[in-house]
Structure formats: structure tokens, C-alpha cells
Amino acid sequence: MQLKLATQTKDGIQIVDCSGRIVFGEESSLLRETVKKAVLENSRIVLNLGEVNYIDSGGLGTLVALRTSAQNAGGTIKLTNLTKRVGDLLQVTKLLTVFDVYNSEAEAIESFRKAA
């Protein structure tokens, strides 16, 4: 299933809902463009990965690159609603130590409030 993205703003925080596969190619490019545009509008981004069923190495690379780009622009990207498969992949690759990960969108939004 191709990657589908939907963006919305909640409490001044940009939410990017991802559904499908984050893989090298069009999907990674689409995610990269969407998030980079979102960072220009809002420095606080939550990636909701609850409907992502597969990520390959190119997709992981894209997530890391987006995190770095956001930080360089003074922004923050947090991940939420990881599926077991995606959570296990981030754990095996030690990327859980790189990203701020939350169980729900509400928790991720609240974490931005606490930091402010």
C-alpha cells in the first residue's frame, strides 16, 4: 500500500498522519516534502505512525534525515502510535534512543506543552 499523508494542526502543533509503507522512493520523497513544508510553517511536528505497516532502510534514513533537518531549523519531530512492527524495528536499529516516542497523539502534544 502506498504512503498516504494527512496533515492537521492541533493546539498549535502540526500533526502528520502517515498510512501505508515508508520505503525508499516516492513514499520517502513524499514524506520528506510534506514534513519539510510543515517545519517551515510550524517548528513542532508529530508524526503519527499508527497506520504505517512497513518501513525499509530508506524509510528509516528518511526519518533520521527529517529529524536532523527539523533540528537544524529549530524544530522538533516526535513520533507517536508506533505499531509493534515499527516499534520493534526502531528498537533493533537503536533509533528509539534518537527519537522522542509517545504512545498517543495526546501524550506527544502534551510533551510540547511541558517543554514550553
PDB file of N, CA and C in Angstrom:
ATOM      1  N   MET A   1       0.846  -1.178   0.000  1.00  0.00           N
ATOM      2  CA  MET A   1       0.000   0.000   0.000  1.00  0.00           C
ATOM      3  C   MET A   1       0.888   1.235   0.000  1.00  0.00           C
ATOM      4  N   GLN A   2       0.614   2.145  -0.900  1.00  0.00           N
ATOM      5  CA  GLN A   2       1.382   3.377  -0.978  1.00  0.00           C
ATOM      6  C   GLN A   2       1.175   4.227   0.262  1.00  0.00           C
ATOM      7  N   LEU A   3       2.107   5.133   0.498  1.00  0.00           N
ATOM      8  CA  LEU A   3       2.037   6.020   1.646  1.00  0.00           C
ATOM      9  C   LEU A   3       1.007   7.112   1.391  1.00  0.00           C
ATOM     10  N   LYS A   4       0.134   7.302   2.378  1.00  0.00           N
ATOM     11  CA  LYS A   4      -0.842   8.398   2.334  1.00  0.00           C
ATOM     12  C   LYS A   4      -0.571   9.280   3.536  1.00  0.00           C
ATOM     13  N   LEU A   5      -0.585  10.582   3.317  1.00  0.00           N
ATOM     14  CA  LEU A   5      -0.308  11.529   4.390  1.00  0.00           C
ATOM     15  C   LEU A   5      -1.458  12.519   4.516  1.00  0.00           C
ATOM     16  N   ALA A   6      -1.778  12.862   5.752  1.00  0.00           N
ATOM     17  CA  ALA A   6      -2.778  13.892   6.031  1.00  0.00           C
ATOM     18  C   ALA A   6      -2.204  14.782   7.119  1.00  0.00           C
ATOM     19  N   THR A   7      -2.303  16.081   6.936  1.00  0.00           N
ATOM     20  CA  THR A   7      -1.779  16.996   7.951  1.00  0.00           C
ATOM     21  C   THR A   7      -2.923  17.765   8.587  1.00  0.00           C
ATOM     22  N   GLN A   8      -2.715  18.077   9.863  1.00  0.00           N
ATOM     23  CA  GLN A   8      -3.683  18.882  10.606  1.00  0.00           C
ATOM     24  C   GLN A   8      -2.922  19.600  11.710  1.00  0.00           C
ATOM     25  N   THR A   9      -3.530  20.636  12.251  1.00  0.00           N
ATOM     26  CA  THR A   9      -2.924  21.367  13.357  1.00  0.00           C
ATOM     27  C   THR A   9      -3.816  21.223  14.571  1.00  0.00           C
ATOM     28  N   LYS A  10      -3.206  20.817  15.697  1.00  0.00           N
ATOM     29  CA  LYS A  10      -3.922  20.693  16.964  1.00  0.00           C
ATOM     30  C   LYS A  10      -3.138  21.438  18.018  1.00  0.00           C
ATOM     31  N   ASP A  11      -3.771  22.358  18.694  1.00  0.00           N
ATOM     32  CA  ASP A  11      -3.118  23.123  19.763  1.00  0.00           C
ATOM     33  C   ASP A  11      -1.809  23.748  19.296  1.00  0.00           C
ATOM     34  N   GLY A  12      -1.769  24.211  18.054  1.00  0.00           N
ATOM     35  CA  GLY A  12      -0.578  24.862  17.534  1.00  0.00           C
ATOM     36  C   GLY A  12       0.539  23.910  17.148  1.00  0.00           C
ATOM     37  N   ILE A  13       0.246  22.627  17.103  1.00  0.00           N
ATOM     38  CA  ILE A  13       1.243  21.615  16.755  1.00  0.00           C
ATOM     39  C   ILE A  13       0.807  20.923  15.466  1.00  0.00           C
ATOM     40  N   GLN A  14       1.742  20.778  14.544  1.00  0.00           N
ATOM     41  CA  GLN A  14       1.441  20.155  13.254  1.00  0.00           C
ATOM     42  C   GLN A  14       1.470  18.637  13.399  1.00  0.00           C
ATOM     43  N   ILE A  15       0.379  17.976  13.057  1.00  0.00           N
ATOM     44  CA  ILE A  15       0.279  16.520  13.101  1.00  0.00           C
ATOM     45  C   ILE A  15       0.321  16.006  11.666  1.00  0.00           C
ATOM     46  N   VAL A  16       1.199  15.047  11.410  1.00  0.00           N
ATOM     47  CA  VAL A  16       1.253  14.403  10.094  1.00  0.00           C
ATOM     48  C   VAL A  16       0.871  12.942  10.300  1.00  0.00           C
ATOM     49  N   ASP A  17      -0.318  12.580   9.824  1.00  0.00           N
ATOM     50  CA  ASP A  17      -0.801  11.205   9.921  1.00  0.00           C
ATOM     51  C   ASP A  17      -0.287  10.426   8.718  1.00  0.00           C
ATOM     52  N   CYS A  18       0.433   9.339   8.979  1.00  0.00           N
ATOM     53  CA  CYS A  18       1.020   8.514   7.925  1.00  0.00           C
ATOM     54  C   CYS A  18       0.295   7.177   7.867  1.00  0.00           C
ATOM     55  N   SER A  19      -0.004   6.727   6.656  1.00  0.00           N
ATOM     56  CA  SER A  19      -0.693   5.463   6.474  1.00  0.00           C
ATOM     57  C   SER A  19      -0.075   4.735   5.284  1.00  0.00           C
ATOM     58  N   GLY A  20       0.320   3.477   5.496  1.00  0.00           N
ATOM     59  CA  GLY A  20       0.898   2.688   4.409  1.00  0.00           C
ATOM     60  C   GLY A  20       2.332   2.314   4.692  1.00  0.00           C
ATOM     61  N   ARG A  21       3.173   2.418   3.656  1.00  0.00           N
ATOM     62  CA  ARG A  21       4.572   1.993   3.756  1.00  0.00           C
ATOM     63  C   ARG A  21       5.501   3.191   3.588  1.00  0.00           C
ATOM     64  N   ILE A  22       6.520   3.259   4.439  1.00  0.00           N
ATOM     65  CA  ILE A  22       7.562   4.276   4.269  1.00  0.00           C
ATOM     66  C   ILE A  22       8.777   3.545   3.731  1.00  0.00           C
ATOM     67  N   VAL A  23       8.951   3.638   2.422  1.00  0.00           N
ATOM     68  CA  VAL A  23      10.026   2.921   1.743  1.00  0.00           C
ATOM     69  C   VAL A  23      10.785   3.864   0.828  1.00  0.00           C
ATOM     70  N   PHE A  24      11.988   3.451   0.442  1.00  0.00           N
ATOM     71  CA  PHE A  24      12.812   4.251  -0.449  1.00  0.00           C
ATOM     72  C   PHE A  24      12.071   4.506  -1.751  1.00  0.00           C
ATOM     73  N   GLY A  25      12.126   5.726  -2.236  1.00  0.00           N
ATOM     74  CA  GLY A  25      11.481   6.074  -3.497  1.00  0.00           C
ATOM     75  C   GLY A  25      10.434   7.151  -3.298  1.00  0.00           C
ATOM     76  N   GLU A  26       9.328   6.998  -4.000  1.00  0.00           N
ATOM     77  CA  GLU A  26       8.270   8.010  -3.968  1.00  0.00           C
ATOM     78  C   GLU A  26       7.728   8.261  -2.567  1.00  0.00           C
ATOM     79  N   GLU A  27       7.562   7.182  -1.794  1.00  0.00           N
ATOM     80  CA  GLU A  27       6.986   7.324  -0.458  1.00  0.00           C
ATOM     81  C   GLU A  27       7.886   8.176   0.434  1.00  0.00           C
ATOM     82  N   SER A  28       9.180   7.878   0.439  1.00  0.00           N
ATOM     83  CA  SER A  28      10.118   8.655   1.247  1.00  0.00           C
ATOM     84  C   SER A  28      10.170  10.105   0.772  1.00  0.00           C
ATOM     85  N   SER A  29      10.146  10.303  -0.527  1.00  0.00           N
ATOM     86  CA  SER A  29      10.166  11.664  -1.076  1.00  0.00           C
ATOM     87  C   SER A  29       8.926  12.442  -0.661  1.00  0.00           C
ATOM     88  N   LEU A  30       7.773  11.784  -0.720  1.00  0.00           N
ATOM     89  CA  LEU A  30       6.523  12.428  -0.325  1.00  0.00           C
ATOM     90  C   LEU A  30       6.569  12.830   1.152  1.00  0.00           C
ATOM     91  N   LEU A  31       7.029  11.927   2.000  1.00  0.00           N
ATOM     92  CA  LEU A  31       7.129  12.231   3.430  1.00  0.00           C
ATOM     93  C   LEU A  31       8.110  13.371   3.662  1.00  0.00           C
ATOM     94  N   ARG A  32       9.239  13.323   2.993  1.00  0.00           N
ATOM     95  CA  ARG A  32      10.262  14.365   3.143  1.00  0.00           C
ATOM     96  C   ARG A  32       9.693  15.738   2.762  1.00  0.00           C
ATOM     97  N   GLU A  33       9.046  15.810   1.624  1.00  0.00           N
ATOM     98  CA  GLU A  33       8.488  17.093   1.169  1.00  0.00           C
ATOM     99  C   GLU A  33       7.407  17.607   2.121  1.00  0.00           C
ATOM    100  N   THR A  34       6.537  16.713   2.564  1.00  0.00           N
ATOM    101  CA  THR A  34       5.443  17.099   3.454  1.00  0.00           C
ATOM    102  C   THR A  34       5.968  17.626   4.784  1.00  0.00           C
ATOM    103  N   VAL A  35       6.926  16.917   5.360  1.00  0.00           N
ATOM    104  CA  VAL A  35       7.447  17.323   6.668  1.00  0.00           C
ATOM    105  C   VAL A  35       8.291  18.587   6.557  1.00  0.00           C
ATOM    106  N   LYS A  36       9.087  18.697   5.511  1.00  0.00           N
ATOM    107  CA  LYS A  36       9.892  19.916   5.349  1.00  0.00           C
ATOM    108  C   LYS A  36       8.989  21.137   5.201  1.00  0.00           C
ATOM    109  N   LYS A  37       7.908  20.994   4.475  1.00  0.00           N
ATOM    110  CA  LYS A  37       6.942  22.089   4.337  1.00  0.00           C
ATOM    111  C   LYS A  37       6.302  22.397   5.691  1.00  0.00           C
ATOM    112  N   ALA A  38       5.961  21.354   6.441  1.00  0.00           N
ATOM    113  CA  ALA A  38       5.344  21.535   7.759  1.00  0.00           C
ATOM    114  C   ALA A  38       6.286  22.247   8.716  1.00  0.00           C
ATOM    115  N   VAL A  39       7.585  21.919   8.659  1.00  0.00           N
ATOM    116  CA  VAL A  39       8.567  22.541   9.554  1.00  0.00           C
ATOM    117  C   VAL A  39       8.681  24.036   9.267  1.00  0.00           C
ATOM    118  N   LEU A  40       8.531  24.414   8.007  1.00  0.00           N
ATOM    119  CA  LEU A  40       8.579  25.836   7.662  1.00  0.00           C
ATOM    120  C   LEU A  40       7.399  26.590   8.282  1.00  0.00           C
ATOM    121  N   GLU A  41       6.262  25.919   8.399  1.00  0.00           N
ATOM    122  CA  GLU A  41       5.061  26.539   8.954  1.00  0.00           C
ATOM    123  C   GLU A  41       5.008  26.458  10.474  1.00  0.00           C
ATOM    124  N   ASN A  42       5.592  25.386  11.026  1.00  0.00           N
ATOM    125  CA  ASN A  42       5.453  25.129  12.451  1.00  0.00           C
ATOM    126  C   ASN A  42       6.659  24.298  12.902  1.00  0.00           C
ATOM    127  N   SER A  43       7.339  24.742  13.933  1.00  0.00           N
ATOM    128  CA  SER A  43       8.556  24.042  14.358  1.00  0.00           C
ATOM    129  C   SER A  43       8.261  22.790  15.180  1.00  0.00           C
ATOM    130  N   ARG A  44       6.988  22.593  15.564  1.00  0.00           N
ATOM    131  CA  ARG A  44       6.629  21.431  16.394  1.00  0.00           C
ATOM    132  C   ARG A  44       5.797  20.454  15.564  1.00  0.00           C
ATOM    133  N   ILE A  45       6.389  19.272  15.319  1.00  0.00           N
ATOM    134  CA  ILE A  45       5.777  18.273  14.432  1.00  0.00           C
ATOM    135  C   ILE A  45       5.604  16.956  15.178  1.00  0.00           C
ATOM    136  N   VAL A  46       4.445  16.337  14.995  1.00  0.00           N
ATOM    137  CA  VAL A  46       4.205  14.982  15.490  1.00  0.00           C
ATOM    138  C   VAL A  46       3.916  14.096  14.279  1.00  0.00           C
ATOM    139  N   LEU A  47       4.711  13.040  14.123  1.00  0.00           N
ATOM    140  CA  LEU A  47       4.450  12.053  13.076  1.00  0.00           C
ATOM    141  C   LEU A  47       3.664  10.912  13.698  1.00  0.00           C
ATOM    142  N   ASN A  48       2.411  10.754  13.266  1.00  0.00           N
ATOM    143  CA  ASN A  48       1.558   9.669  13.748  1.00  0.00           C
ATOM    144  C   ASN A  48       1.765   8.474  12.822  1.00  0.00           C
ATOM    145  N   LEU A  49       2.445   7.449  13.335  1.00  0.00           N
ATOM    146  CA  LEU A  49       2.789   6.278  12.525  1.00  0.00           C
ATOM    147  C   LEU A  49       1.868   5.091  12.799  1.00  0.00           C
ATOM    148  N   GLY A  50       0.701   5.340  13.368  1.00  0.00           N
ATOM    149  CA  GLY A  50      -0.213   4.277  13.763  1.00  0.00           C
ATOM    150  C   GLY A  50      -0.725   3.414  12.616  1.00  0.00           C
ATOM    151  N   GLU A  51      -0.714   3.948  11.403  1.00  0.00           N
ATOM    152  CA  GLU A  51      -1.204   3.185  10.250  1.00  0.00           C
ATOM    153  C   GLU A  51      -0.073   2.777   9.305  1.00  0.00           C
ATOM    154  N   VAL A  52       1.164   2.902   9.775  1.00  0.00           N
ATOM    155  CA  VAL A  52       2.310   2.506   8.951  1.00  0.00           C
ATOM    156  C   VAL A  52       2.578   1.026   9.204  1.00  0.00           C
ATOM    157  N   ASN A  53       2.525   0.226   8.138  1.00  0.00           N
ATOM    158  CA  ASN A  53       2.697  -1.215   8.303  1.00  0.00           C
ATOM    159  C   ASN A  53       4.083  -1.714   7.917  1.00  0.00           C
ATOM    160  N   TYR A  54       4.909  -0.848   7.316  1.00  0.00           N
ATOM    161  CA  TYR A  54       6.231  -1.300   6.893  1.00  0.00           C
ATOM    162  C   TYR A  54       7.149  -0.103   6.692  1.00  0.00           C
ATOM    163  N   ILE A  55       8.382  -0.236   7.153  1.00  0.00           N
ATOM    164  CA  ILE A  55       9.420   0.763   6.895  1.00  0.00           C
ATOM    165  C   ILE A  55      10.675   0.005   6.476  1.00  0.00           C
ATOM    166  N   ASP A  56      11.285   0.428   5.363  1.00  0.00           N
ATOM    167  CA  ASP A  56      12.557  -0.187   4.967  1.00  0.00           C
ATOM    168  C   ASP A  56      13.712   0.726   5.380  1.00  0.00           C
ATOM    169  N   SER A  57      14.923   0.342   5.024  1.00  0.00           N
ATOM    170  CA  SER A  57      16.094   1.122   5.435  1.00  0.00           C
ATOM    171  C   SER A  57      16.054   2.540   4.874  1.00  0.00           C
ATOM    172  N   GLY A  58      15.524   2.695   3.679  1.00  0.00           N
ATOM    173  CA  GLY A  58      15.384   4.030   3.099  1.00  0.00           C
ATOM    174  C   GLY A  58      14.403   4.874   3.887  1.00  0.00           C
ATOM    175  N   GLY A  59      13.335   4.252   4.370  1.00  0.00           N
ATOM    176  CA  GLY A  59      12.361   4.950   5.199  1.00  0.00           C
ATOM    177  C   GLY A  59      12.951   5.373   6.534  1.00  0.00           C
ATOM    178  N   LEU A  60      13.752   4.475   7.136  1.00  0.00           N
ATOM    179  CA  LEU A  60      14.433   4.816   8.392  1.00  0.00           C
ATOM    180  C   LEU A  60      15.382   5.993   8.177  1.00  0.00           C
ATOM    181  N   GLY A  61      16.114   5.938   7.070  1.00  0.00           N
ATOM    182  CA  GLY A  61      17.023   7.034   6.741  1.00  0.00           C
ATOM    183  C   GLY A  61      16.286   8.348   6.570  1.00  0.00           C
ATOM    184  N   THR A  62      15.118   8.287   5.977  1.00  0.00           N
ATOM    185  CA  THR A  62      14.306   9.489   5.799  1.00  0.00           C
ATOM    186  C   THR A  62      13.870  10.054   7.144  1.00  0.00           C
ATOM    187  N   LEU A  63      13.428   9.192   8.068  1.00  0.00           N
ATOM    188  CA  LEU A  63      13.023   9.663   9.391  1.00  0.00           C
ATOM    189  C   LEU A  63      14.179  10.352  10.108  1.00  0.00           C
ATOM    190  N   VAL A  64      15.366   9.754  10.039  1.00  0.00           N
ATOM    191  CA  VAL A  64      16.534  10.348  10.695  1.00  0.00           C
ATOM    192  C   VAL A  64      16.897  11.681  10.039  1.00  0.00           C
ATOM    193  N   ALA A  65      16.865  11.726   8.715  1.00  0.00           N
ATOM    194  CA  ALA A  65      17.180  12.970   7.995  1.00  0.00           C
ATOM    195  C   ALA A  65      16.177  14.070   8.325  1.00  0.00           C
ATOM    196  N   LEU A  66      14.905  13.710   8.438  1.00  0.00           N
ATOM    197  CA  LEU A  66      13.882  14.703   8.780  1.00  0.00           C
ATOM    198  C   LEU A  66      14.096  15.243  10.179  1.00  0.00           C
ATOM    199  N   ARG A  67      14.456  14.364  11.110  1.00  0.00           N
ATOM    200  CA  ARG A  67      14.729  14.799  12.477  1.00  0.00           C
ATOM    201  C   ARG A  67      15.875  15.802  12.483  1.00  0.00           C
ATOM    202  N   THR A  68      16.953  15.480  11.758  1.00  0.00           N
ATOM    203  CA  THR A  68      18.112  16.355  11.689  1.00  0.00           C
ATOM    204  C   THR A  68      17.760  17.689  11.033  1.00  0.00           C
ATOM    205  N   SER A  69      17.030  17.648   9.928  1.00  0.00           N
ATOM    206  CA  SER A  69      16.625  18.873   9.232  1.00  0.00           C
ATOM    207  C   SER A  69      15.767  19.753  10.129  1.00  0.00           C
ATOM    208  N   ALA A  70      14.838  19.136  10.847  1.00  0.00           N
ATOM    209  CA  ALA A  70      13.967  19.890  11.745  1.00  0.00           C
ATOM    210  C   ALA A  70      14.788  20.550  12.849  1.00  0.00           C
ATOM    211  N   GLN A  71      15.713  19.793  13.439  1.00  0.00           N
ATOM    212  CA  GLN A  71      16.561  20.355  14.500  1.00  0.00           C
ATOM    213  C   GLN A  71      17.397  21.520  13.984  1.00  0.00           C
ATOM    214  N   ASN A  72      17.950  21.378  12.797  1.00  0.00           N
ATOM    215  CA  ASN A  72      18.756  22.448  12.213  1.00  0.00           C
ATOM    216  C   ASN A  72      17.937  23.701  11.954  1.00  0.00           C
ATOM    217  N   ALA A  73      16.624  23.527  11.749  1.00  0.00           N
ATOM    218  CA  ALA A  73      15.724  24.656  11.515  1.00  0.00           C
ATOM    219  C   ALA A  73      15.085  25.133  12.825  1.00  0.00           C
ATOM    220  N   GLY A  74      15.537  24.583  13.954  1.00  0.00           N
ATOM    221  CA  GLY A  74      14.986  24.988  15.247  1.00  0.00           C
ATOM    222  C   GLY A  74      13.699  24.276  15.610  1.00  0.00           C
ATOM    223  N   GLY A  75      13.407  23.176  14.932  1.00  0.00           N
ATOM    224  CA  GLY A  75      12.165  22.441  15.174  1.00  0.00           C
ATOM    225  C   GLY A  75      12.395  21.117  15.879  1.00  0.00           C
ATOM    226  N   THR A  76      11.287  20.448  16.156  1.00  0.00           N
ATOM    227  CA  THR A  76      11.323  19.150  16.828  1.00  0.00           C
ATOM    228  C   THR A  76      10.316  18.222  16.168  1.00  0.00           C
ATOM    229  N   ILE A  77      10.720  16.967  15.951  1.00  0.00           N
ATOM    230  CA  ILE A  77       9.806  15.942  15.444  1.00  0.00           C
ATOM    231  C   ILE A  77       9.683  14.857  16.504  1.00  0.00           C
ATOM    232  N   LYS A  78       8.447  14.524  16.835  1.00  0.00           N
ATOM    233  CA  LYS A  78       8.175  13.445  17.785  1.00  0.00           C
ATOM    234  C   LYS A  78       7.335  12.393  17.075  1.00  0.00           C
ATOM    235  N   LEU A  79       7.514  11.139  17.466  1.00  0.00           N
ATOM    236  CA  LEU A  79       6.780  10.032  16.860  1.00  0.00           C
ATOM    237  C   LEU A  79       5.722   9.537  17.832  1.00  0.00           C
ATOM    238  N   THR A  80       4.603   9.076  17.280  1.00  0.00           N
ATOM    239  CA  THR A  80       3.540   8.543  18.127  1.00  0.00           C
ATOM    240  C   THR A  80       2.851   7.363  17.458  1.00  0.00           C
ATOM    241  N   ASN A  81       2.167   6.578  18.285  1.00  0.00           N
ATOM    242  CA  ASN A  81       1.340   5.450  17.823  1.00  0.00           C
ATOM    243  C   ASN A  81       2.107   4.433  16.987  1.00  0.00           C
ATOM    244  N   LEU A  82       3.309   4.061  17.428  1.00  0.00           N
ATOM    245  CA  LEU A  82       4.078   3.076  16.672  1.00  0.00           C
ATOM    246  C   LEU A  82       3.378   1.716  16.714  1.00  0.00           C
ATOM    247  N   THR A  83       3.291   1.082  15.558  1.00  0.00           N
ATOM    248  CA  THR A  83       2.797  -0.295  15.538  1.00  0.00           C
ATOM    249  C   THR A  83       3.889  -1.189  16.131  1.00  0.00           C
ATOM    250  N   LYS A  84       3.545  -2.403  16.499  1.00  0.00           N
ATOM    251  CA  LYS A  84       4.536  -3.309  17.078  1.00  0.00           C
ATOM    252  C   LYS A  84       5.694  -3.509  16.106  1.00  0.00           C
ATOM    253  N   ARG A  85       5.379  -3.698  14.853  1.00  0.00           N
ATOM    254  CA  ARG A  85       6.411  -3.947  13.842  1.00  0.00           C
ATOM    255  C   ARG A  85       7.373  -2.756  13.721  1.00  0.00           C
ATOM    256  N   VAL A  86       6.823  -1.559  13.649  1.00  0.00           N
ATOM    257  CA  VAL A  86       7.648  -0.353  13.519  1.00  0.00           C
ATOM    258  C   VAL A  86       8.424  -0.108  14.819  1.00  0.00           C
ATOM    259  N   GLY A  87       7.782  -0.296  15.955  1.00  0.00           N
ATOM    260  CA  GLY A  87       8.458  -0.136  17.242  1.00  0.00           C
ATOM    261  C   GLY A  87       9.615  -1.103  17.399  1.00  0.00           C
ATOM    262  N   ASP A  88       9.402  -2.362  17.009  1.00  0.00           N
ATOM    263  CA  ASP A  88      10.467  -3.365  17.083  1.00  0.00           C
ATOM    264  C   ASP A  88      11.633  -2.986  16.170  1.00  0.00           C
ATOM    265  N   LEU A  89      11.323  -2.493  14.983  1.00  0.00           N
ATOM    266  CA  LEU A  89      12.363  -2.088  14.033  1.00  0.00           C
ATOM    267  C   LEU A  89      13.188  -0.932  14.598  1.00  0.00           C
ATOM    268  N   LEU A  90      12.516   0.054  15.193  1.00  0.00           N
ATOM    269  CA  LEU A  90      13.238   1.186  15.780  1.00  0.00           C
ATOM    270  C   LEU A  90      14.082   0.738  16.969  1.00  0.00           C
ATOM    271  N   GLN A  91      13.599  -0.262  17.690  1.00  0.00           N
ATOM    272  CA  GLN A  91      14.355  -0.769  18.835  1.00  0.00           C
ATOM    273  C   GLN A  91      15.608  -1.521  18.370  1.00  0.00           C
ATOM    274  N   VAL A  92      15.449  -2.388  17.390  1.00  0.00           N
ATOM    275  CA  VAL A  92      16.576  -3.174  16.875  1.00  0.00           C
ATOM    276  C   VAL A  92      17.657  -2.267  16.291  1.00  0.00           C
ATOM    277  N   THR A  93      17.247  -1.198  15.626  1.00  0.00           N
ATOM    278  CA  THR A  93      18.205  -0.283  14.996  1.00  0.00           C
ATOM    279  C   THR A  93      18.691   0.791  15.968  1.00  0.00           C
ATOM    280  N   LYS A  94      18.233   0.725  17.213  1.00  0.00           N
ATOM    281  CA  LYS A  94      18.618   1.675  18.274  1.00  0.00           C
ATOM    282  C   LYS A  94      18.117   3.098  18.003  1.00  0.00           C
ATOM    283  N   LEU A  95      17.177   3.245  17.093  1.00  0.00           N
ATOM    284  CA  LEU A  95      16.642   4.581  16.798  1.00  0.00           C
ATOM    285  C   LEU A  95      15.634   5.046  17.846  1.00  0.00           C
ATOM    286  N   LEU A  96      15.174   4.127  18.699  1.00  0.00           N
ATOM    287  CA  LEU A  96      14.291   4.556  19.797  1.00  0.00           C
ATOM    288  C   LEU A  96      15.027   5.506  20.735  1.00  0.00           C
ATOM    289  N   THR A  97      16.347   5.425  20.758  1.00  0.00           N
ATOM    290  CA  THR A  97      17.124   6.328  21.602  1.00  0.00           C
ATOM    291  C   THR A  97      17.320   7.692  20.950  1.00  0.00           C
ATOM    292  N   VAL A  98      17.038   7.784  19.664  1.00  0.00           N
ATOM    293  CA  VAL A  98      17.223   9.029  18.916  1.00  0.00           C
ATOM    294  C   VAL A  98      15.946   9.871  18.909  1.00  0.00           C
ATOM    295  N   PHE A  99      14.801   9.216  18.797  1.00  0.00           N
ATOM    296  CA  PHE A  99      13.514   9.910  18.683  1.00  0.00           C
ATOM    297  C   PHE A  99      12.786   9.977  20.024  1.00  0.00           C
ATOM    298  N   ASP A 100      11.990  11.029  20.190  1.00  0.00           N
ATOM    299  CA  ASP A 100      11.028  11.086  21.286  1.00  0.00           C
ATOM    300  C   ASP A 100       9.793  10.344  20.801  1.00  0.00           C
ATOM    301  N   VAL A 101       9.436   9.250  21.490  1.00  0.00           N
ATOM    302  CA  VAL A 101       8.327   8.399  21.059  1.00  0.00           C
ATOM    303  C   VAL A 101       7.252   8.388  22.144  1.00  0.00           C
ATOM    304  N   TYR A 102       5.992   8.536  21.725  1.00  0.00           N
ATOM    305  CA  TYR A 102       4.856   8.575  22.646  1.00  0.00           C
ATOM    306  C   TYR A 102       3.800   7.568  22.219  1.00  0.00           C
ATOM    307  N   ASN A 103       3.047   7.090  23.208  1.00  0.00           N
ATOM    308  CA  ASN A 103       2.013   6.091  22.936  1.00  0.00           C
ATOM    309  C   ASN A 103       0.803   6.665  22.227  1.00  0.00           C
ATOM    310  N   SER A 104       0.533   7.956  22.437  1.00  0.00           N
ATOM    311  CA  SER A 104      -0.645   8.564  21.812  1.00  0.00           C
ATOM    312  C   SER A 104      -0.324   9.967  21.334  1.00  0.00           C
ATOM    313  N   GLU A 105      -1.150  10.430  20.436  1.00  0.00           N
ATOM    314  CA  GLU A 105      -1.025  11.792  19.918  1.00  0.00           C
ATOM    315  C   GLU A 105      -1.162  12.801  21.053  1.00  0.00           C
ATOM    316  N   ALA A 106      -2.107  12.552  21.962  1.00  0.00           N
ATOM    317  CA  ALA A 106      -2.334  13.456  23.092  1.00  0.00           C
ATOM    318  C   ALA A 106      -1.086  13.576  23.964  1.00  0.00           C
ATOM    319  N   GLU A 107      -0.390  12.455  24.215  1.00  0.00           N
ATOM    320  CA  GLU A 107       0.836  12.492  25.008  1.00  0.00           C
ATOM    321  C   GLU A 107       1.921  13.299  24.313  1.00  0.00           C
ATOM    322  N   ALA A 108       2.045  13.146  23.005  1.00  0.00           N
ATOM    323  CA  ALA A 108       3.053  13.894  22.245  1.00  0.00           C
ATOM    324  C   ALA A 108       2.751  15.390  22.286  1.00  0.00           C
ATOM    325  N   ILE A 109       1.491  15.756  22.130  1.00  0.00           N
ATOM    326  CA  ILE A 109       1.106  17.171  22.187  1.00  0.00           C
ATOM    327  C   ILE A 109       1.384  17.734  23.576  1.00  0.00           C
ATOM    328  N   GLU A 110       1.041  16.972  24.603  1.00  0.00           N
ATOM    329  CA  GLU A 110       1.274  17.404  25.987  1.00  0.00           C
ATOM    330  C   GLU A 110       2.779  17.604  26.244  1.00  0.00           C
ATOM    331  N   SER A 111       3.613  16.767  25.663  1.00  0.00           N
ATOM    332  CA  SER A 111       5.062  16.896  25.872  1.00  0.00           C
ATOM    333  C   SER A 111       5.580  18.216  25.335  1.00  0.00           C
ATOM    334  N   PHE A 112       4.989  18.713  24.251  1.00  0.00           N
ATOM    335  CA  PHE A 112       5.377  20.022  23.730  1.00  0.00           C
ATOM    336  C   PHE A 112       4.954  21.117  24.707  1.00  0.00           C
ATOM    337  N   ARG A 113       3.781  20.982  25.304  1.00  0.00           N
ATOM    338  CA  ARG A 113       3.302  21.970  26.271  1.00  0.00           C
ATOM    339  C   ARG A 113       4.220  22.037  27.489  1.00  0.00           C
ATOM    340  N   LYS A 114       4.638  20.859  27.971  1.00  0.00           N
ATOM    341  CA  LYS A 114       5.511  20.809  29.147  1.00  0.00           C
ATOM    342  C   LYS A 114       6.861  21.439  28.856  1.00  0.00           C
ATOM    343  N   ALA A 115       7.343  21.278  27.621  1.00  0.00           N
ATOM    344  CA  ALA A 115       8.644  21.812  27.251  1.00  0.00           C
ATOM    345  C   ALA A 115       8.635  23.327  27.094  1.00  0.00           C
ATOM    346  N   ALA A 116       7.455  23.871  26.849  1.00  0.00           N
ATOM    347  CA  ALA A 116       7.339  25.314  26.581  1.00  0.00           C
ATOM    348  C   ALA A 116       7.417  26.175  27.792  1.00  0.00           C
TER     349      ALA A 116
END
